[in-house]
Each structure stands twice: as structure tokens, then as C-alpha cells.
Amino acid sequence: MRLAYERMGAKLCHHRWRDAAGEIDLILRDEAHLFFVEVKAAQTHDHAARRISPAQAMRSVAAEQSYVEQHPEFAHLIPRYDAALVDRVGRVEILQNALGDFIL
């Protein structure tokens, strides 16, 4: 997953970042965005996507807010909540703004 973002020019900030607000699997940034990535693995990408719950999406938002408070140097970046889905053979599908449906 990380390599897919790095190919787009993003740089890793944290892997498995956590605090009292929650945990974020990957946090990356580019010139304009701060990517908060939830990684889910299952037999298929569809099954992996179904493992993302509304409660988990809300915890991701709370964790993002906490992260930015602790790292104000990233406050100017636009947050984006993605899902990286991994199937049983290791293929990765990145769903941009995947958590947005739960957050809005």
C-alpha cells in the first residue's frame, strides 16, 4: 500500500499511529493532502471493504483531528480518508475518500 502512495509522490509520516482517539494504519502526505489510510484484508476486495464500519470511520476522524493537533505542521494539508483493500493473493486496491460515505 505504501508503495502505491509513494509512486504518486506521497511520503510516509507514520505507520500504525495511535493515541487515545484511535489508530490509523498509514499516514502519508504529499504537497496538498494528508492521507489517512485504513488497511483491510480479506478473501476479496469486496469482503475487505465490508469490514469497514461507520464507528471505525468516525474513530478515524477523531484520530485525524488528534494527529493534526499533535503535528500542526500538517494542519494546512487537506485530509483524505482512504481504504487500502488487500485480497487473499496480496493484490491491493486503494479506494480514495472511501471513509467519506460514513463520515458525511
PDB file of N, CA and C in Angstrom:
ATOM      1  N   MET A   1       0.813  -1.179   0.000  1.00  0.00           N
ATOM      2  CA  MET A   1       0.000   0.000   0.000  1.00  0.00           C
ATOM      3  C   MET A   1       0.866   1.255   0.000  1.00  0.00           C
ATOM      4  N   ARG A   2       1.805   1.247   0.869  1.00  0.00           N
ATOM      5  CA  ARG A   2       2.690   2.405   0.992  1.00  0.00           C
ATOM      6  C   ARG A   2       3.357   2.721  -0.337  1.00  0.00           C
ATOM      7  N   LEU A   3       3.786   1.691  -1.058  1.00  0.00           N
ATOM      8  CA  LEU A   3       4.456   1.905  -2.341  1.00  0.00           C
ATOM      9  C   LEU A   3       3.540   2.567  -3.361  1.00  0.00           C
ATOM     10  N   ALA A   4       2.274   2.217  -3.345  1.00  0.00           N
ATOM     11  CA  ALA A   4       1.332   2.842  -4.281  1.00  0.00           C
ATOM     12  C   ALA A   4       1.256   4.342  -4.029  1.00  0.00           C
ATOM     13  N   TYR A   5       1.238   4.745  -2.781  1.00  0.00           N
ATOM     14  CA  TYR A   5       1.213   6.171  -2.452  1.00  0.00           C
ATOM     15  C   TYR A   5       2.545   6.833  -2.786  1.00  0.00           C
ATOM     16  N   GLU A   6       3.622   6.139  -2.522  1.00  0.00           N
ATOM     17  CA  GLU A   6       4.933   6.713  -2.822  1.00  0.00           C
ATOM     18  C   GLU A   6       5.114   6.905  -4.332  1.00  0.00           C
ATOM     19  N   ARG A   7       4.540   6.021  -5.132  1.00  0.00           N
ATOM     20  CA  ARG A   7       4.584   6.192  -6.595  1.00  0.00           C
ATOM     21  C   ARG A   7       3.831   7.450  -7.021  1.00  0.00           C
ATOM     22  N   MET A   8       2.855   7.863  -6.231  1.00  0.00           N
ATOM     23  CA  MET A   8       2.099   9.089  -6.515  1.00  0.00           C
ATOM     24  C   MET A   8       2.801  10.319  -5.934  1.00  0.00           C
ATOM     25  N   GLY A   9       3.945  10.116  -5.295  1.00  0.00           N
ATOM     26  CA  GLY A   9       4.692  11.233  -4.739  1.00  0.00           C
ATOM     27  C   GLY A   9       4.464  11.486  -3.263  1.00  0.00           C
ATOM     28  N   ALA A  10       3.698  10.636  -2.603  1.00  0.00           N
ATOM     29  CA  ALA A  10       3.427  10.807  -1.176  1.00  0.00           C
ATOM     30  C   ALA A  10       4.584  10.249  -0.350  1.00  0.00           C
ATOM     31  N   LYS A  11       4.724  10.796   0.838  1.00  0.00           N
ATOM     32  CA  LYS A  11       5.766  10.350   1.763  1.00  0.00           C
ATOM     33  C   LYS A  11       5.112   9.842   3.040  1.00  0.00           C
ATOM     34  N   LEU A  12       5.669   8.773   3.575  1.00  0.00           N
ATOM     35  CA  LEU A  12       5.153   8.185   4.803  1.00  0.00           C
ATOM     36  C   LEU A  12       5.452   9.093   5.989  1.00  0.00           C
ATOM     37  N   CYS A  13       4.426   9.365   6.776  1.00  0.00           N
ATOM     38  CA  CYS A  13       4.584  10.106   8.038  1.00  0.00           C
ATOM     39  C   CYS A  13       4.618   9.133   9.207  1.00  0.00           C
ATOM     40  N   HIS A  14       3.648   8.222   9.236  1.00  0.00           N
ATOM     41  CA  HIS A  14       3.566   7.252  10.327  1.00  0.00           C
ATOM     42  C   HIS A  14       2.931   5.946   9.839  1.00  0.00           C
ATOM     43  N   HIS A  15       3.347   4.874  10.469  1.00  0.00           N
ATOM     44  CA  HIS A  15       2.781   3.544  10.250  1.00  0.00           C
ATOM     45  C   HIS A  15       2.203   3.083  11.577  1.00  0.00           C
ATOM     46  N   ARG A  16       0.934   2.714  11.572  1.00  0.00           N
ATOM     47  CA  ARG A  16       0.227   2.266  12.779  1.00  0.00           C
ATOM     48  C   ARG A  16       0.317   3.290  13.910  1.00  0.00           C
ATOM     49  N   TRP A  17      -0.075   4.520  13.581  1.00  0.00           N
ATOM     50  CA  TRP A  17      -0.097   5.588  14.580  1.00  0.00           C
ATOM     51  C   TRP A  17      -1.314   5.403  15.476  1.00  0.00           C
ATOM     52  N   ARG A  18      -1.124   5.616  16.766  1.00  0.00           N
ATOM     53  CA  ARG A  18      -2.265   5.501  17.683  1.00  0.00           C
ATOM     54  C   ARG A  18      -2.106   6.422  18.873  1.00  0.00           C
ATOM     55  N   ASP A  19      -3.254   6.827  19.380  1.00  0.00           N
ATOM     56  CA  ASP A  19      -3.340   7.536  20.652  1.00  0.00           C
ATOM     57  C   ASP A  19      -4.710   7.242  21.226  1.00  0.00           C
ATOM     58  N   ALA A  20      -5.127   7.973  22.236  1.00  0.00           N
ATOM     59  CA  ALA A  20      -6.398   7.699  22.907  1.00  0.00           C
ATOM     60  C   ALA A  20      -7.593   7.843  21.961  1.00  0.00           C
ATOM     61  N   ALA A  21      -7.469   8.665  20.921  1.00  0.00           N
ATOM     62  CA  ALA A  21      -8.578   8.889  19.990  1.00  0.00           C
ATOM     63  C   ALA A  21      -8.783   7.721  19.034  1.00  0.00           C
ATOM     64  N   GLY A  22      -7.734   6.956  18.771  1.00  0.00           N
ATOM     65  CA  GLY A  22      -7.858   5.833  17.851  1.00  0.00           C
ATOM     66  C   GLY A  22      -6.549   5.490  17.184  1.00  0.00           C
ATOM     67  N   GLU A  23      -6.634   4.627  16.182  1.00  0.00           N
ATOM     68  CA  GLU A  23      -5.461   4.162  15.450  1.00  0.00           C
ATOM     69  C   GLU A  23      -5.673   4.383  13.965  1.00  0.00           C
ATOM     70  N   ILE A  24      -4.587   4.750  13.296  1.00  0.00           N
ATOM     71  CA  ILE A  24      -4.615   4.895  11.843  1.00  0.00           C
ATOM     72  C   ILE A  24      -3.491   4.032  11.294  1.00  0.00           C
ATOM     73  N   ASP A  25      -3.819   3.170  10.339  1.00  0.00           N
ATOM     74  CA  ASP A  25      -2.841   2.224   9.819  1.00  0.00           C
ATOM     75  C   ASP A  25      -1.677   2.920   9.116  1.00  0.00           C
ATOM     76  N   LEU A  26      -1.976   3.852   8.221  1.00  0.00           N
ATOM     77  CA  LEU A  26      -0.937   4.587   7.488  1.00  0.00           C
ATOM     78  C   LEU A  26      -1.309   6.059   7.423  1.00  0.00           C
ATOM     79  N   ILE A  27      -0.317   6.910   7.621  1.00  0.00           N
ATOM     80  CA  ILE A  27      -0.492   8.344   7.416  1.00  0.00           C
ATOM     81  C   ILE A  27       0.618   8.776   6.465  1.00  0.00           C
ATOM     82  N   LEU A  28       0.203   9.350   5.339  1.00  0.00           N
ATOM     83  CA  LEU A  28       1.144   9.819   4.331  1.00  0.00           C
ATOM     84  C   LEU A  28       0.768  11.231   3.929  1.00  0.00           C
ATOM     85  N   ARG A  29       1.692  11.916   3.251  1.00  0.00           N
ATOM     86  CA  ARG A  29       1.396  13.277   2.811  1.00  0.00           C
ATOM     87  C   ARG A  29       2.021  13.513   1.443  1.00  0.00           C
ATOM     88  N   ASP A  30       1.420  14.446   0.729  1.00  0.00           N
ATOM     89  CA  ASP A  30       2.037  14.997  -0.465  1.00  0.00           C
ATOM     90  C   ASP A  30       1.966  16.511  -0.326  1.00  0.00           C
ATOM     91  N   GLU A  31       2.098  17.230  -1.406  1.00  0.00           N
ATOM     92  CA  GLU A  31       2.114  18.696  -1.323  1.00  0.00           C
ATOM     93  C   GLU A  31       0.791  19.284  -0.825  1.00  0.00           C
ATOM     94  N   ALA A  32      -0.322  18.610  -1.126  1.00  0.00           N
ATOM     95  CA  ALA A  32      -1.635  19.175  -0.816  1.00  0.00           C
ATOM     96  C   ALA A  32      -2.445  18.370   0.190  1.00  0.00           C
ATOM     97  N   HIS A  33      -2.171  17.079   0.333  1.00  0.00           N
ATOM     98  CA  HIS A  33      -3.036  16.193   1.117  1.00  0.00           C
ATOM     99  C   HIS A  33      -2.293  15.493   2.246  1.00  0.00           C
ATOM    100  N   LEU A  34      -3.078  15.161   3.261  1.00  0.00           N
ATOM    101  CA  LEU A  34      -2.638  14.292   4.333  1.00  0.00           C
ATOM    102  C   LEU A  34      -3.556  13.076   4.249  1.00  0.00           C
ATOM    103  N   PHE A  35      -2.977  11.929   3.908  1.00  0.00           N
ATOM    104  CA  PHE A  35      -3.752  10.715   3.672  1.00  0.00           C
ATOM    105  C   PHE A  35      -3.811   9.879   4.943  1.00  0.00           C
ATOM    106  N   PHE A  36      -5.026   9.552   5.359  1.00  0.00           N
ATOM    107  CA  PHE A  36      -5.266   8.658   6.481  1.00  0.00           C
ATOM    108  C   PHE A  36      -5.829   7.377   5.889  1.00  0.00           C
ATOM    109  N   VAL A  37      -5.067   6.294   5.990  1.00  0.00           N
ATOM    110  CA  VAL A  37      -5.400   5.067   5.272  1.00  0.00           C
ATOM    111  C   VAL A  37      -5.742   3.950   6.242  1.00  0.00           C
ATOM    112  N   GLU A  38      -6.917   3.386   6.048  1.00  0.00           N
ATOM    113  CA  GLU A  38      -7.363   2.198   6.778  1.00  0.00           C
ATOM    114  C   GLU A  38      -7.067   1.002   5.889  1.00  0.00           C
ATOM    115  N   VAL A  39      -6.295   0.048   6.383  1.00  0.00           N
ATOM    116  CA  VAL A  39      -5.939  -1.145   5.620  1.00  0.00           C
ATOM    117  C   VAL A  39      -6.828  -2.288   6.080  1.00  0.00           C
ATOM    118  N   LYS A  40      -7.460  -2.941   5.111  1.00  0.00           N
ATOM    119  CA  LYS A  40      -8.320  -4.091   5.410  1.00  0.00           C
ATOM    120  C   LYS A  40      -7.955  -5.241   4.484  1.00  0.00           C
ATOM    121  N   ALA A  41      -7.821  -6.422   5.054  1.00  0.00           N
ATOM    122  CA  ALA A  41      -7.508  -7.618   4.274  1.00  0.00           C
ATOM    123  C   ALA A  41      -8.628  -8.647   4.434  1.00  0.00           C
ATOM    124  N   ALA A  42      -8.926  -9.330   3.339  1.00  0.00           N
ATOM    125  CA  ALA A  42      -9.944 -10.386   3.339  1.00  0.00           C
ATOM    126  C   ALA A  42      -9.754 -11.221   2.075  1.00  0.00           C
ATOM    127  N   GLN A  43     -10.617 -12.200   1.890  1.00  0.00           N
ATOM    128  CA  GLN A  43     -10.523 -13.065   0.701  1.00  0.00           C
ATOM    129  C   GLN A  43     -10.606 -12.261  -0.590  1.00  0.00           C
ATOM    130  N   THR A  44     -11.504 -11.267  -0.615  1.00  0.00           N
ATOM    131  CA  THR A  44     -11.679 -10.436  -1.807  1.00  0.00           C
ATOM    132  C   THR A  44     -11.678  -8.968  -1.387  1.00  0.00           C
ATOM    133  N   HIS A  45     -11.496  -8.097  -2.365  1.00  0.00           N
ATOM    134  CA  HIS A  45     -11.555  -6.661  -2.063  1.00  0.00           C
ATOM    135  C   HIS A  45     -12.945  -6.279  -1.539  1.00  0.00           C
ATOM    136  N   ASP A  46     -13.988  -6.887  -2.113  1.00  0.00           N
ATOM    137  CA  ASP A  46     -15.346  -6.594  -1.669  1.00  0.00           C
ATOM    138  C   ASP A  46     -15.542  -6.962  -0.200  1.00  0.00           C
ATOM    139  N   HIS A  47     -15.060  -8.129   0.184  1.00  0.00           N
ATOM    140  CA  HIS A  47     -15.183  -8.543   1.590  1.00  0.00           C
ATOM    141  C   HIS A  47     -14.370  -7.621   2.498  1.00  0.00           C
ATOM    142  N   ALA A  48     -13.216  -7.210   2.042  1.00  0.00           N
ATOM    143  CA  ALA A  48     -12.393  -6.294   2.840  1.00  0.00           C
ATOM    144  C   ALA A  48     -13.121  -4.965   3.046  1.00  0.00           C
ATOM    145  N   ALA A  49     -13.748  -4.451   1.992  1.00  0.00           N
ATOM    146  CA  ALA A  49     -14.471  -3.176   2.087  1.00  0.00           C
ATOM    147  C   ALA A  49     -15.625  -3.274   3.089  1.00  0.00           C
ATOM    148  N   ARG A  50     -16.264  -4.409   3.155  1.00  0.00           N
ATOM    149  CA  ARG A  50     -17.391  -4.593   4.079  1.00  0.00           C
ATOM    150  C   ARG A  50     -16.960  -4.612   5.538  1.00  0.00           C
ATOM    151  N   ARG A  51     -15.668  -4.772   5.769  1.00  0.00           N
ATOM    152  CA  ARG A  51     -15.166  -4.813   7.139  1.00  0.00           C
ATOM    153  C   ARG A  51     -14.978  -3.421   7.735  1.00  0.00           C
ATOM    154  N   ILE A  52     -15.224  -2.372   6.962  1.00  0.00           N
ATOM    155  CA  ILE A  52     -15.109  -1.010   7.467  1.00  0.00           C
ATOM    156  C   ILE A  52     -16.472  -0.586   8.010  1.00  0.00           C
ATOM    157  N   SER A  53     -16.509  -0.259   9.285  1.00  0.00           N
ATOM    158  CA  SER A  53     -17.781   0.100   9.913  1.00  0.00           C
ATOM    159  C   SER A  53     -17.900   1.621  10.048  1.00  0.00           C
ATOM    160  N   PRO A  54     -19.130   2.117  10.183  1.00  0.00           N
ATOM    161  CA  PRO A  54     -19.309   3.551  10.438  1.00  0.00           C
ATOM    162  C   PRO A  54     -18.589   4.005  11.715  1.00  0.00           C
ATOM    163  N   ALA A  55     -18.623   3.179  12.750  1.00  0.00           N
ATOM    164  CA  ALA A  55     -17.951   3.546  14.004  1.00  0.00           C
ATOM    165  C   ALA A  55     -16.450   3.664  13.791  1.00  0.00           C
ATOM    166  N   GLN A  56     -15.893   2.771  13.003  1.00  0.00           N
ATOM    167  CA  GLN A  56     -14.466   2.826  12.716  1.00  0.00           C
ATOM    168  C   GLN A  56     -14.126   4.084  11.924  1.00  0.00           C
ATOM    169  N   ALA A  57     -14.971   4.452  10.990  1.00  0.00           N
ATOM    170  CA  ALA A  57     -14.750   5.672  10.214  1.00  0.00           C
ATOM    171  C   ALA A  57     -14.773   6.896  11.122  1.00  0.00           C
ATOM    172  N   MET A  58     -15.683   6.932  12.073  1.00  0.00           N
ATOM    173  CA  MET A  58     -15.749   8.067  12.994  1.00  0.00           C
ATOM    174  C   MET A  58     -14.521   8.116  13.901  1.00  0.00           C
ATOM    175  N   ARG A  59     -14.029   6.955  14.316  1.00  0.00           N
ATOM    176  CA  ARG A  59     -12.797   6.927  15.114  1.00  0.00           C
ATOM    177  C   ARG A  59     -11.621   7.450  14.290  1.00  0.00           C
ATOM    178  N   SER A  60     -11.630   7.176  13.000  1.00  0.00           N
ATOM    179  CA  SER A  60     -10.567   7.677  12.125  1.00  0.00           C
ATOM    180  C   SER A  60     -10.580   9.200  12.080  1.00  0.00           C
ATOM    181  N   VAL A  61     -11.761   9.783  12.043  1.00  0.00           N
ATOM    182  CA  VAL A  61     -11.864  11.246  12.050  1.00  0.00           C
ATOM    183  C   VAL A  61     -11.336  11.806  13.371  1.00  0.00           C
ATOM    184  N   ALA A  62     -11.720  11.201  14.475  1.00  0.00           N
ATOM    185  CA  ALA A  62     -11.242  11.665  15.780  1.00  0.00           C
ATOM    186  C   ALA A  62      -9.726  11.523  15.869  1.00  0.00           C
ATOM    187  N   ALA A  63      -9.203  10.413  15.363  1.00  0.00           N
ATOM    188  CA  ALA A  63      -7.754  10.206  15.380  1.00  0.00           C
ATOM    189  C   ALA A  63      -7.052  11.213  14.486  1.00  0.00           C
ATOM    190  N   GLU A  64      -7.650  11.522  13.330  1.00  0.00           N
ATOM    191  CA  GLU A  64      -7.069  12.527  12.423  1.00  0.00           C
ATOM    192  C   GLU A  64      -6.980  13.873  13.117  1.00  0.00           C
ATOM    193  N   GLN A  65      -8.038  14.264  13.794  1.00  0.00           N
ATOM    194  CA  GLN A  65      -8.043  15.548  14.492  1.00  0.00           C
ATOM    195  C   GLN A  65      -6.974  15.572  15.579  1.00  0.00           C
ATOM    196  N   SER A  66      -6.845  14.500  16.296  1.00  0.00           N
ATOM    197  CA  SER A  66      -5.828  14.405  17.336  1.00  0.00           C
ATOM    198  C   SER A  66      -4.431  14.453  16.713  1.00  0.00           C
ATOM    199  N   TYR A  67      -4.265  13.757  15.601  1.00  0.00           N
ATOM    200  CA  TYR A  67      -2.964  13.737  14.923  1.00  0.00           C
ATOM    201  C   TYR A  67      -2.556  15.149  14.490  1.00  0.00           C
ATOM    202  N   VAL A  68      -3.473  15.873  13.883  1.00  0.00           N
ATOM    203  CA  VAL A  68      -3.161  17.224  13.409  1.00  0.00           C
ATOM    204  C   VAL A  68      -2.878  18.158  14.587  1.00  0.00           C
ATOM    205  N   GLU A  69      -3.579  17.970  15.689  1.00  0.00           N
ATOM    206  CA  GLU A  69      -3.284  18.776  16.885  1.00  0.00           C
ATOM    207  C   GLU A  69      -1.855  18.523  17.373  1.00  0.00           C
ATOM    208  N   GLN A  70      -1.414  17.283  17.281  1.00  0.00           N
ATOM    209  CA  GLN A  70      -0.071  16.922  17.725  1.00  0.00           C
ATOM    210  C   GLN A  70       1.000  17.258  16.686  1.00  0.00           C
ATOM    211  N   HIS A  71       0.578  17.422  15.431  1.00  0.00           N
ATOM    212  CA  HIS A  71       1.503  17.710  14.328  1.00  0.00           C
ATOM    213  C   HIS A  71       0.982  18.915  13.543  1.00  0.00           C
ATOM    214  N   PRO A  72       1.023  20.105  14.148  1.00  0.00           N
ATOM    215  CA  PRO A  72       0.456  21.291  13.491  1.00  0.00           C
ATOM    216  C   PRO A  72       1.132  21.655  12.171  1.00  0.00           C
ATOM    217  N   GLU A  73       2.305  21.122  11.916  1.00  0.00           N
ATOM    218  CA  GLU A  73       2.968  21.395  10.642  1.00  0.00           C
ATOM    219  C   GLU A  73       2.190  20.830   9.451  1.00  0.00           C
ATOM    220  N   PHE A  74       1.225  19.939   9.721  1.00  0.00           N
ATOM    221  CA  PHE A  74       0.405  19.363   8.654  1.00  0.00           C
ATOM    222  C   PHE A  74      -0.998  19.966   8.595  1.00  0.00           C
ATOM    223  N   ALA A  75      -1.288  20.932   9.433  1.00  0.00           N
ATOM    224  CA  ALA A  75      -2.640  21.492   9.526  1.00  0.00           C
ATOM    225  C   ALA A  75      -3.105  22.138   8.226  1.00  0.00           C
ATOM    226  N   HIS A  76      -2.205  22.586   7.391  1.00  0.00           N
ATOM    227  CA  HIS A  76      -2.576  23.246   6.135  1.00  0.00           C
ATOM    228  C   HIS A  76      -2.955  22.239   5.039  1.00  0.00           C
ATOM    229  N   LEU A  77      -2.669  20.960   5.254  1.00  0.00           N
ATOM    230  CA  LEU A  77      -2.959  19.939   4.238  1.00  0.00           C
ATOM    231  C   LEU A  77      -4.418  19.494   4.304  1.00  0.00           C
ATOM    232  N   ILE A  78      -4.957  19.116   3.169  1.00  0.00           N
ATOM    233  CA  ILE A  78      -6.343  18.645   3.074  1.00  0.00           C
ATOM    234  C   ILE A  78      -6.376  17.174   3.492  1.00  0.00           C
ATOM    235  N   PRO A  79      -7.176  16.827   4.504  1.00  0.00           N
ATOM    236  CA  PRO A  79      -7.237  15.420   4.904  1.00  0.00           C
ATOM    237  C   PRO A  79      -8.035  14.592   3.898  1.00  0.00           C
ATOM    238  N   ARG A  80      -7.550  13.377   3.674  1.00  0.00           N
ATOM    239  CA  ARG A  80      -8.275  12.436   2.810  1.00  0.00           C
ATOM    240  C   ARG A  80      -8.248  11.077   3.498  1.00  0.00           C
ATOM    241  N   TYR A  81      -9.418  10.465   3.584  1.00  0.00           N
ATOM    242  CA  TYR A  81      -9.580   9.186   4.266  1.00  0.00           C
ATOM    243  C   TYR A  81      -9.739   8.086   3.224  1.00  0.00           C
ATOM    244  N   ASP A  82      -8.711   7.280   3.059  1.00  0.00           N
ATOM    245  CA  ASP A  82      -8.729   6.212   2.063  1.00  0.00           C
ATOM    246  C   ASP A  82      -8.818   4.852   2.728  1.00  0.00           C
ATOM    247  N   ALA A  83      -9.185   3.858   1.918  1.00  0.00           N
ATOM    248  CA  ALA A  83      -9.126   2.462   2.344  1.00  0.00           C
ATOM    249  C   ALA A  83      -8.212   1.736   1.368  1.00  0.00           C
ATOM    250  N   ALA A  84      -7.305   0.952   1.902  1.00  0.00           N
ATOM    251  CA  ALA A  84      -6.450   0.088   1.089  1.00  0.00           C
ATOM    252  C   ALA A  84      -6.918  -1.332   1.342  1.00  0.00           C
ATOM    253  N   LEU A  85      -7.471  -1.935   0.309  1.00  0.00           N
ATOM    254  CA  LEU A  85      -8.051  -3.270   0.419  1.00  0.00           C
ATOM    255  C   LEU A  85      -7.061  -4.288  -0.135  1.00  0.00           C
ATOM    256  N   VAL A  86      -6.834  -5.358   0.618  1.00  0.00           N
ATOM    257  CA  VAL A  86      -5.888  -6.389   0.221  1.00  0.00           C
ATOM    258  C   VAL A  86      -6.646  -7.709   0.114  1.00  0.00           C
ATOM    259  N   ASP A  87      -6.543  -8.366  -1.057  1.00  0.00           N
ATOM    260  CA  ASP A  87      -7.225  -9.651  -1.211  1.00  0.00           C
ATOM    261  C   ASP A  87      -6.299 -10.795  -0.824  1.00  0.00           C
ATOM    262  N   ARG A  88      -6.784 -12.027  -0.925  1.00  0.00           N
ATOM    263  CA  ARG A  88      -6.050 -13.186  -0.422  1.00  0.00           C
ATOM    264  C   ARG A  88      -4.726 -13.442  -1.126  1.00  0.00           C
ATOM    265  N   VAL A  89      -4.543 -12.922  -2.340  1.00  0.00           N
ATOM    266  CA  VAL A  89      -3.275 -13.117  -3.037  1.00  0.00           C
ATOM    267  C   VAL A  89      -2.375 -11.884  -2.943  1.00  0.00           C
ATOM    268  N   GLY A  90      -2.791 -10.906  -2.155  1.00  0.00           N
ATOM    269  CA  GLY A  90      -1.954  -9.750  -1.913  1.00  0.00           C
ATOM    270  C   GLY A  90      -2.150  -8.580  -2.855  1.00  0.00           C
ATOM    271  N   ARG A  91      -3.141  -8.654  -3.736  1.00  0.00           N
ATOM    272  CA  ARG A  91      -3.421  -7.502  -4.614  1.00  0.00           C
ATOM    273  C   ARG A  91      -4.040  -6.390  -3.783  1.00  0.00           C
ATOM    274  N   VAL A  92      -3.622  -5.169  -4.085  1.00  0.00           N
ATOM    275  CA  VAL A  92      -4.075  -4.003  -3.332  1.00  0.00           C
ATOM    276  C   VAL A  92      -4.956  -3.132  -4.214  1.00  0.00           C
ATOM    277  N   GLU A  93      -6.064  -2.698  -3.657  1.00  0.00           N
ATOM    278  CA  GLU A  93      -6.939  -1.719  -4.310  1.00  0.00           C
ATOM    279  C   GLU A  93      -7.101  -0.550  -3.344  1.00  0.00           C
ATOM    280  N   ILE A  94      -6.796   0.643  -3.822  1.00  0.00           N
ATOM    281  CA  ILE A  94      -6.938   1.836  -2.982  1.00  0.00           C
ATOM    282  C   ILE A  94      -8.230   2.542  -3.360  1.00  0.00           C
ATOM    283  N   LEU A  95      -9.074   2.742  -2.374  1.00  0.00           N
ATOM    284  CA  LEU A  95     -10.316   3.471  -2.562  1.00  0.00           C
ATOM    285  C   LEU A  95     -10.141   4.863  -1.982  1.00  0.00           C
ATOM    286  N   GLN A  96     -10.035   5.845  -2.851  1.00  0.00           N
ATOM    287  CA  GLN A  96      -9.860   7.225  -2.389  1.00  0.00           C
ATOM    288  C   GLN A  96     -11.148   7.739  -1.760  1.00  0.00           C
ATOM    289  N   ASN A  97     -11.007   8.462  -0.675  1.00  0.00           N
ATOM    290  CA  ASN A  97     -12.141   9.017   0.066  1.00  0.00           C
ATOM    291  C   ASN A  97     -13.160   7.956   0.463  1.00  0.00           C
ATOM    292  N   ALA A  98     -12.702   6.757   0.697  1.00  0.00           N
ATOM    293  CA  ALA A  98     -13.605   5.634   0.979  1.00  0.00           C
ATOM    294  C   ALA A  98     -14.365   5.808   2.279  1.00  0.00           C
ATOM    295  N   LEU A  99     -13.767   6.459   3.267  1.00  0.00           N
ATOM    296  CA  LEU A  99     -14.442   6.615   4.542  1.00  0.00           C
ATOM    297  C   LEU A  99     -15.415   7.782   4.540  1.00  0.00           C
ATOM    298  N   GLY A 100     -15.371   8.597   3.504  1.00  0.00           N
ATOM    299  CA  GLY A 100     -16.235   9.772   3.412  1.00  0.00           C
ATOM    300  C   GLY A 100     -17.713   9.438   3.471  1.00  0.00           C
ATOM    301  N   ASP A 101     -18.118   8.310   2.907  1.00  0.00           N
ATOM    302  CA  ASP A 101     -19.529   7.925   2.938  1.00  0.00           C
ATOM    303  C   ASP A 101     -20.018   7.736   4.369  1.00  0.00           C
ATOM    304  N   PHE A 102     -19.143   7.270   5.247  1.00  0.00           N
ATOM    305  CA  PHE A 102     -19.519   7.058   6.641  1.00  0.00           C
ATOM    306  C   PHE A 102     -19.439   8.340   7.439  1.00  0.00           C
ATOM    307  N   ILE A 103     -18.538   9.241   7.038  1.00  0.00           N
ATOM    308  CA  ILE A 103     -18.266  10.441   7.820  1.00  0.00           C
ATOM    309  C   ILE A 103     -19.312  11.518   7.585  1.00  0.00           C
ATOM    310  N   LEU A 104     -19.761  11.691   6.337  1.00  0.00           N
ATOM    311  CA  LEU A 104     -20.678  12.768   5.982  1.00  0.00           C
ATOM    312  C   LEU A 104     -22.086  12.504   6.456  1.00  0.00           C
TER     313      LEU A 104
END
